């Protein structure tokens, strides 16, 4: 698009700057982080004995996923 249709590219880039697209990116990064930390939690459940501390790790995983997504979102804004 850069070489053949620069006006169309400018329109696309201005569309990606809208708040709804930024919010959608935030949601995707958040879900990716939740999926990643959920996988780590699942591995912990498979290889470690279940305990109260693992429940705490689940809460930390979700909080970490939210933190990573929020940091990404704030950098985009």
PDB file of N, CA and C in Angstrom:
ATOM      1  N   UNK A   1       0.825  -1.198   0.000  1.00  0.00           N
ATOM      2  CA  UNK A   1       0.000   0.000   0.000  1.00  0.00           C
ATOM      3  C   UNK A   1       0.867   1.258   0.000  1.00  0.00           C
ATOM      4  N   UNK A   2       2.043   1.172   0.578  1.00  0.00           N
ATOM      5  CA  UNK A   2       2.900   2.355   0.643  1.00  0.00           C
ATOM      6  C   UNK A   2       3.287   2.810  -0.752  1.00  0.00           C
ATOM      7  N   UNK A   3       3.615   1.869  -1.616  1.00  0.00           N
ATOM      8  CA  UNK A   3       4.089   2.226  -2.952  1.00  0.00           C
ATOM      9  C   UNK A   3       2.957   2.474  -3.939  1.00  0.00           C
ATOM     10  N   UNK A   4       1.849   1.760  -3.776  1.00  0.00           N
ATOM     11  CA  UNK A   4       0.795   1.849  -4.782  1.00  0.00           C
ATOM     12  C   UNK A   4      -0.356   2.770  -4.398  1.00  0.00           C
ATOM     13  N   UNK A   5      -0.760   2.788  -3.135  1.00  0.00           N
ATOM     14  CA  UNK A   5      -1.921   3.589  -2.712  1.00  0.00           C
ATOM     15  C   UNK A   5      -1.635   4.308  -1.395  1.00  0.00           C
ATOM     16  N   UNK A   6      -0.807   5.342  -1.418  1.00  0.00           N
ATOM     17  CA  UNK A   6      -0.467   6.018  -0.154  1.00  0.00           C
ATOM     18  C   UNK A   6      -1.665   6.689   0.524  1.00  0.00           C
ATOM     19  N   UNK A   7      -2.639   7.162  -0.255  1.00  0.00           N
ATOM     20  CA  UNK A   7      -3.822   7.789   0.359  1.00  0.00           C
ATOM     21  C   UNK A   7      -4.648   6.766   1.122  1.00  0.00           C
ATOM     22  N   UNK A   8      -4.766   5.583   0.557  1.00  0.00           N
ATOM     23  CA  UNK A   8      -5.513   4.515   1.235  1.00  0.00           C
ATOM     24  C   UNK A   8      -4.786   4.083   2.515  1.00  0.00           C
ATOM     25  N   UNK A   9      -3.465   4.041   2.453  1.00  0.00           N
ATOM     26  CA  UNK A   9      -2.679   3.705   3.638  1.00  0.00           C
ATOM     27  C   UNK A   9      -2.867   4.755   4.730  1.00  0.00           C
ATOM     28  N   UNK A  10      -2.869   6.026   4.347  1.00  0.00           N
ATOM     29  CA  UNK A  10      -3.090   7.083   5.337  1.00  0.00           C
ATOM     30  C   UNK A  10      -4.467   6.948   5.987  1.00  0.00           C
ATOM     31  N   UNK A  11      -5.461   6.594   5.198  1.00  0.00           N
ATOM     32  CA  UNK A  11      -6.795   6.379   5.750  1.00  0.00           C
ATOM     33  C   UNK A  11      -6.826   5.213   6.723  1.00  0.00           C
ATOM     34  N   UNK A  12      -6.129   4.136   6.374  1.00  0.00           N
ATOM     35  CA  UNK A  12      -6.073   2.972   7.258  1.00  0.00           C
ATOM     36  C   UNK A  12      -5.354   3.313   8.555  1.00  0.00           C
ATOM     37  N   UNK A  13      -4.244   4.036   8.453  1.00  0.00           N
ATOM     38  CA  UNK A  13      -3.497   4.396   9.661  1.00  0.00           C
ATOM     39  C   UNK A  13      -4.286   5.345  10.555  1.00  0.00           C
ATOM     40  N   UNK A  14      -5.063   6.237   9.962  1.00  0.00           N
ATOM     41  CA  UNK A  14      -5.893   7.116  10.793  1.00  0.00           C
ATOM     42  C   UNK A  14      -7.018   6.325  11.448  1.00  0.00           C
ATOM     43  N   UNK A  15      -7.527   5.288  10.758  1.00  0.00           N
ATOM     44  CA  UNK A  15      -8.557   4.428  11.356  1.00  0.00           C
ATOM     45  C   UNK A  15      -7.986   3.656  12.539  1.00  0.00           C
ATOM     46  N   UNK A  16      -6.729   3.202  12.430  1.00  0.00           N
ATOM     47  CA  UNK A  16      -6.133   2.454  13.531  1.00  0.00           C
ATOM     48  C   UNK A  16      -5.854   3.330  14.741  1.00  0.00           C
ATOM     49  N   UNK A  17      -5.947   4.629  14.569  1.00  0.00           N
ATOM     50  CA  UNK A  17      -5.734   5.560  15.683  1.00  0.00           C
ATOM     51  C   UNK A  17      -7.010   5.845  16.468  1.00  0.00           C
ATOM     52  N   UNK A  18      -8.137   5.283  16.045  1.00  0.00           N
ATOM     53  CA  UNK A  18      -9.397   5.543  16.735  1.00  0.00           C
ATOM     54  C   UNK A  18      -9.444   4.803  18.070  1.00  0.00           C
ATOM     55  N   UNK A  19     -10.194   5.322  19.024  1.00  0.00           N
ATOM     56  CA  UNK A  19     -10.259   4.693  20.346  1.00  0.00           C
ATOM     57  C   UNK A  19     -10.809   3.265  20.331  1.00  0.00           C
ATOM     58  N   UNK A  20     -11.743   2.961  19.442  1.00  0.00           N
ATOM     59  CA  UNK A  20     -12.314   1.609  19.422  1.00  0.00           C
ATOM     60  C   UNK A  20     -11.262   0.588  19.008  1.00  0.00           C
ATOM     61  N   UNK A  21     -10.395   0.948  18.077  1.00  0.00           N
ATOM     62  CA  UNK A  21      -9.340   0.027  17.647  1.00  0.00           C
ATOM     63  C   UNK A  21      -8.322  -0.149  18.769  1.00  0.00           C
ATOM     64  N   UNK A  22      -7.998   0.941  19.452  1.00  0.00           N
ATOM     65  CA  UNK A  22      -7.062   0.836  20.574  1.00  0.00           C
ATOM     66  C   UNK A  22      -7.644  -0.028  21.687  1.00  0.00           C
ATOM     67  N   UNK A  23      -8.938   0.113  21.936  1.00  0.00           N
ATOM     68  CA  UNK A  23      -9.585  -0.715  22.949  1.00  0.00           C
ATOM     69  C   UNK A  23      -9.595  -2.180  22.524  1.00  0.00           C
ATOM     70  N   UNK A  24      -9.822  -2.431  21.235  1.00  0.00           N
ATOM     71  CA  UNK A  24      -9.804  -3.809  20.730  1.00  0.00           C
ATOM     72  C   UNK A  24      -8.399  -4.404  20.872  1.00  0.00           C
ATOM     73  N   UNK A  25      -7.371  -3.626  20.599  1.00  0.00           N
ATOM     74  CA  UNK A  25      -5.998  -4.102  20.789  1.00  0.00           C
ATOM     75  C   UNK A  25      -5.740  -4.431  22.248  1.00  0.00           C
ATOM     76  N   UNK A  26      -6.236  -3.571  23.132  1.00  0.00           N
ATOM     77  CA  UNK A  26      -6.112  -3.826  24.569  1.00  0.00           C
ATOM     78  C   UNK A  26      -6.755  -5.163  24.920  1.00  0.00           C
ATOM     79  N   UNK A  27      -7.955  -5.395  24.387  1.00  0.00           N
ATOM     80  CA  UNK A  27      -8.643  -6.652  24.662  1.00  0.00           C
ATOM     81  C   UNK A  27      -7.883  -7.862  24.146  1.00  0.00           C
ATOM     82  N   UNK A  28      -7.318  -7.757  22.953  1.00  0.00           N
ATOM     83  CA  UNK A  28      -6.555  -8.870  22.393  1.00  0.00           C
ATOM     84  C   UNK A  28      -5.301  -9.160  23.213  1.00  0.00           C
ATOM     85  N   UNK A  29      -4.587  -8.115  23.600  1.00  0.00           N
ATOM     86  CA  UNK A  29      -3.377  -8.322  24.393  1.00  0.00           C
ATOM     87  C   UNK A  29      -3.749  -8.885  25.765  1.00  0.00           C
ATOM     88  N   UNK A  30      -4.843  -8.408  26.340  1.00  0.00           N
ATOM     89  CA  UNK A  30      -5.282  -8.921  27.628  1.00  0.00           C
ATOM     90  C   UNK A  30      -5.622 -10.408  27.531  1.00  0.00           C
ATOM     91  N   UNK A  31      -6.365 -10.774  26.500  1.00  0.00           N
ATOM     92  CA  UNK A  31      -6.736 -12.183  26.339  1.00  0.00           C
ATOM     93  C   UNK A  31      -5.520 -13.058  26.051  1.00  0.00           C
ATOM     94  N   UNK A  32      -4.576 -12.542  25.293  1.00  0.00           N
ATOM     95  CA  UNK A  32      -3.343 -13.291  25.043  1.00  0.00           C
ATOM     96  C   UNK A  32      -2.574 -13.505  26.336  1.00  0.00           C
ATOM     97  N   UNK A  33      -2.477 -12.465  27.157  1.00  0.00           N
ATOM     98  CA  UNK A  33      -1.764 -12.588  28.433  1.00  0.00           C
ATOM     99  C   UNK A  33      -2.494 -13.545  29.372  1.00  0.00           C
ATOM    100  N   UNK A  34      -3.829 -13.491  29.399  1.00  0.00           N
ATOM    101  CA  UNK A  34      -4.597 -14.422  30.234  1.00  0.00           C
ATOM    102  C   UNK A  34      -4.366 -15.855  29.765  1.00  0.00           C
ATOM    103  N   UNK A  35      -4.341 -16.053  28.467  1.00  0.00           N
ATOM    104  CA  UNK A  35      -4.114 -17.389  27.917  1.00  0.00           C
ATOM    105  C   UNK A  35      -2.714 -17.895  28.292  1.00  0.00           C
ATOM    106  N   UNK A  36      -1.737 -17.018  28.189  1.00  0.00           N
ATOM    107  CA  UNK A  36      -0.354 -17.379  28.531  1.00  0.00           C
ATOM    108  C   UNK A  36      -0.232 -17.754  30.007  1.00  0.00           C
ATOM    109  N   UNK A  37      -0.721 -16.898  30.872  1.00  0.00           N
ATOM    110  CA  UNK A  37      -0.615 -17.174  32.300  1.00  0.00           C
ATOM    111  C   UNK A  37      -1.525 -18.325  32.726  1.00  0.00           C
ATOM    112  N   UNK A  38      -2.625 -18.533  32.009  1.00  0.00           N
ATOM    113  CA  UNK A  38      -3.461 -19.695  32.280  1.00  0.00           C
ATOM    114  C   UNK A  38      -2.725 -20.989  31.953  1.00  0.00           C
ATOM    115  N   UNK A  39      -1.943 -20.965  30.882  1.00  0.00           N
ATOM    116  CA  UNK A  39      -1.121 -22.127  30.554  1.00  0.00           C
ATOM    117  C   UNK A  39      -0.076 -22.398  31.619  1.00  0.00           C
ATOM    118  N   UNK A  40       0.530 -21.338  32.124  1.00  0.00           N
ATOM    119  CA  UNK A  40       1.486 -21.512  33.222  1.00  0.00           C
ATOM    120  C   UNK A  40       0.804 -22.083  34.460  1.00  0.00           C
ATOM    121  N   UNK A  41      -0.415 -21.609  34.714  1.00  0.00           N
ATOM    122  CA  UNK A  41      -1.167 -22.128  35.856  1.00  0.00           C
ATOM    123  C   UNK A  41      -1.481 -23.605  35.669  1.00  0.00           C
ATOM    124  N   UNK A  42      -1.867 -23.973  34.456  1.00  0.00           N
ATOM    125  CA  UNK A  42      -2.180 -25.370  34.177  1.00  0.00           C
ATOM    126  C   UNK A  42      -0.943 -26.251  34.355  1.00  0.00           C
ATOM    127  N   UNK A  43       0.195 -25.779  33.909  1.00  0.00           N
ATOM    128  CA  UNK A  43       1.428 -26.541  34.111  1.00  0.00           C
ATOM    129  C   UNK A  43       1.743 -26.675  35.594  1.00  0.00           C
ATOM    130  N   UNK A  44       1.485 -25.630  36.350  1.00  0.00           N
ATOM    131  CA  UNK A  44       1.728 -25.698  37.793  1.00  0.00           C
ATOM    132  C   UNK A  44       0.790 -26.717  38.438  1.00  0.00           C
ATOM    133  N   UNK A  45      -0.465 -26.762  37.967  1.00  0.00           N
ATOM    134  CA  UNK A  45      -1.409 -27.733  38.521  1.00  0.00           C
ATOM    135  C   UNK A  45      -1.004 -29.162  38.183  1.00  0.00           C
ATOM    136  N   UNK A  46      -0.419 -29.354  37.006  1.00  0.00           N
ATOM    137  CA  UNK A  46      -0.015 -30.697  36.598  1.00  0.00           C
ATOM    138  C   UNK A  46       1.215 -31.190  37.364  1.00  0.00           C
ATOM    139  N   UNK A  47       2.150 -30.313  37.620  1.00  0.00           N
ATOM    140  CA  UNK A  47       3.439 -30.739  38.151  1.00  0.00           C
ATOM    141  C   UNK A  47       3.641 -30.449  39.637  1.00  0.00           C
ATOM    142  N   UNK A  48       2.780 -29.669  40.222  1.00  0.00           N
ATOM    143  CA  UNK A  48       2.914 -29.335  41.640  1.00  0.00           C
ATOM    144  C   UNK A  48       1.687 -29.840  42.392  1.00  0.00           C
ATOM    145  N   UNK A  49       1.838 -30.201  43.650  1.00  0.00           N
ATOM    146  CA  UNK A  49       0.650 -30.592  44.421  1.00  0.00           C
ATOM    147  C   UNK A  49      -0.256 -29.368  44.649  1.00  0.00           C
ATOM    148  N   UNK A  50      -1.564 -29.608  44.609  1.00  0.00           N
ATOM    149  CA  UNK A  50      -2.527 -28.518  44.781  1.00  0.00           C
ATOM    150  C   UNK A  50      -2.469 -27.991  46.206  1.00  0.00           C
ATOM    151  N   UNK A  51      -2.412 -26.689  46.330  1.00  0.00           N
ATOM    152  CA  UNK A  51      -2.370 -26.076  47.653  1.00  0.00           C
ATOM    153  C   UNK A  51      -3.013 -24.696  47.595  1.00  0.00           C
ATOM    154  N   UNK A  52      -3.130 -24.091  48.741  1.00  0.00           N
ATOM    155  CA  UNK A  52      -3.692 -22.745  48.816  1.00  0.00           C
ATOM    156  C   UNK A  52      -2.805 -21.755  48.074  1.00  0.00           C
ATOM    157  N   UNK A  53      -1.505 -21.966  48.129  1.00  0.00           N
ATOM    158  CA  UNK A  53      -0.603 -21.027  47.460  1.00  0.00           C
ATOM    159  C   UNK A  53      -0.798 -21.048  45.942  1.00  0.00           C
ATOM    160  N   UNK A  54      -1.216 -22.173  45.397  1.00  0.00           N
ATOM    161  CA  UNK A  54      -1.474 -22.214  43.961  1.00  0.00           C
ATOM    162  C   UNK A  54      -2.710 -21.396  43.599  1.00  0.00           C
ATOM    163  N   UNK A  55      -3.662 -21.382  44.493  1.00  0.00           N
ATOM    164  CA  UNK A  55      -4.817 -20.520  44.258  1.00  0.00           C
ATOM    165  C   UNK A  55      -4.377 -19.059  44.215  1.00  0.00           C
ATOM    166  N   UNK A  56      -3.414 -18.725  45.049  1.00  0.00           N
ATOM    167  CA  UNK A  56      -2.863 -17.380  45.038  1.00  0.00           C
ATOM    168  C   UNK A  56      -2.142 -17.114  43.721  1.00  0.00           C
ATOM    169  N   UNK A  57      -1.458 -18.120  43.203  1.00  0.00           N
ATOM    170  CA  UNK A  57      -0.767 -17.970  41.920  1.00  0.00           C
ATOM    171  C   UNK A  57      -1.756 -17.710  40.781  1.00  0.00           C
ATOM    172  N   UNK A  58      -2.922 -18.316  40.859  1.00  0.00           N
ATOM    173  CA  UNK A  58      -3.942 -18.072  39.843  1.00  0.00           C
ATOM    174  C   UNK A  58      -4.355 -16.606  39.875  1.00  0.00           C
ATOM    175  N   UNK A  59      -4.580 -16.089  41.045  1.00  0.00           N
ATOM    176  CA  UNK A  59      -4.956 -14.688  41.177  1.00  0.00           C
ATOM    177  C   UNK A  59      -3.831 -13.783  40.685  1.00  0.00           C
ATOM    178  N   UNK A  60      -2.599 -14.144  40.989  1.00  0.00           N
ATOM    179  CA  UNK A  60      -1.461 -13.356  40.507  1.00  0.00           C
ATOM    180  C   UNK A  60      -1.325 -13.428  38.993  1.00  0.00           C
ATOM    181  N   UNK A  61      -1.630 -14.578  38.411  1.00  0.00           N
ATOM    182  CA  UNK A  61      -1.561 -14.720  36.956  1.00  0.00           C
ATOM    183  C   UNK A  61      -2.562 -13.806  36.271  1.00  0.00           C
ATOM    184  N   UNK A  62      -3.770 -13.767  36.798  1.00  0.00           N
ATOM    185  CA  UNK A  62      -4.788 -12.890  36.211  1.00  0.00           C
ATOM    186  C   UNK A  62      -4.412 -11.425  36.398  1.00  0.00           C
ATOM    187  N   UNK A  63      -3.909 -11.093  37.565  1.00  0.00           N
ATOM    188  CA  UNK A  63      -3.483  -9.721  37.814  1.00  0.00           C
ATOM    189  C   UNK A  63      -2.306  -9.344  36.911  1.00  0.00           C
ATOM    190  N   UNK A  64      -1.386 -10.266  36.697  1.00  0.00           N
ATOM    191  CA  UNK A  64      -0.247  -9.997  35.818  1.00  0.00           C
ATOM    192  C   UNK A  64      -0.712  -9.798  34.376  1.00  0.00           C
ATOM    193  N   UNK A  65      -1.667 -10.616  33.947  1.00  0.00           N
ATOM    194  CA  UNK A  65      -2.202 -10.467  32.598  1.00  0.00           C
ATOM    195  C   UNK A  65      -2.853  -9.099  32.430  1.00  0.00           C
ATOM    196  N   UNK A  66      -3.610  -8.687  33.417  1.00  0.00           N
ATOM    197  CA  UNK A  66      -4.242  -7.372  33.349  1.00  0.00           C
ATOM    198  C   UNK A  66      -3.198  -6.264  33.357  1.00  0.00           C
ATOM    199  N   UNK A  67      -2.149  -6.410  34.146  1.00  0.00           N
ATOM    200  CA  UNK A  67      -1.093  -5.404  34.212  1.00  0.00           C
ATOM    201  C   UNK A  67      -0.378  -5.277  32.873  1.00  0.00           C
ATOM    202  N   UNK A  68      -0.038  -6.404  32.254  1.00  0.00           N
ATOM    203  CA  UNK A  68       0.650  -6.374  30.960  1.00  0.00           C
ATOM    204  C   UNK A  68      -0.231  -5.718  29.903  1.00  0.00           C
ATOM    205  N   UNK A  69      -1.497  -6.081  29.873  1.00  0.00           N
ATOM    206  CA  UNK A  69      -2.410  -5.493  28.897  1.00  0.00           C
ATOM    207  C   UNK A  69      -2.591  -3.999  29.145  1.00  0.00           C
ATOM    208  N   UNK A  70      -2.655  -3.593  30.395  1.00  0.00           N
ATOM    209  CA  UNK A  70      -2.823  -2.177  30.716  1.00  0.00           C
ATOM    210  C   UNK A  70      -1.585  -1.387  30.328  1.00  0.00           C
ATOM    211  N   UNK A  71      -0.407  -1.925  30.565  1.00  0.00           N
ATOM    212  CA  UNK A  71       0.825  -1.247  30.168  1.00  0.00           C
ATOM    213  C   UNK A  71       0.862  -1.077  28.653  1.00  0.00           C
ATOM    214  N   UNK A  72       0.499  -2.132  27.917  1.00  0.00           N
ATOM    215  CA  UNK A  72       0.444  -2.024  26.465  1.00  0.00           C
ATOM    216  C   UNK A  72      -0.556  -0.962  26.047  1.00  0.00           C
ATOM    217  N   UNK A  73      -1.721  -0.958  26.657  1.00  0.00           N
ATOM    218  CA  UNK A  73      -2.766  -0.003  26.314  1.00  0.00           C
ATOM    219  C   UNK A  73      -2.312   1.432  26.575  1.00  0.00           C
ATOM    220  N   UNK A  74      -1.641   1.654  27.690  1.00  0.00           N
ATOM    221  CA  UNK A  74      -1.178   3.009  28.010  1.00  0.00           C
ATOM    222  C   UNK A  74      -0.073   3.464  27.060  1.00  0.00           C
ATOM    223  N   UNK A  75       0.713   2.564  26.546  1.00  0.00           N
ATOM    224  CA  UNK A  75       1.752   2.939  25.588  1.00  0.00           C
ATOM    225  C   UNK A  75       1.135   3.291  24.232  1.00  0.00           C
ATOM    226  N   UNK A  76       0.011   2.658  23.907  1.00  0.00           N
ATOM    227  CA  UNK A  76      -0.640   2.920  22.628  1.00  0.00           C
ATOM    228  C   UNK A  76      -1.294   4.292  22.639  1.00  0.00           C
ATOM    229  N   UNK A  77      -1.839   4.662  23.785  1.00  0.00           N
ATOM    230  CA  UNK A  77      -2.530   5.965  23.878  1.00  0.00           C
ATOM    231  C   UNK A  77      -1.507   7.023  23.793  1.00  0.00           C
TER     232      UNK A  77
END
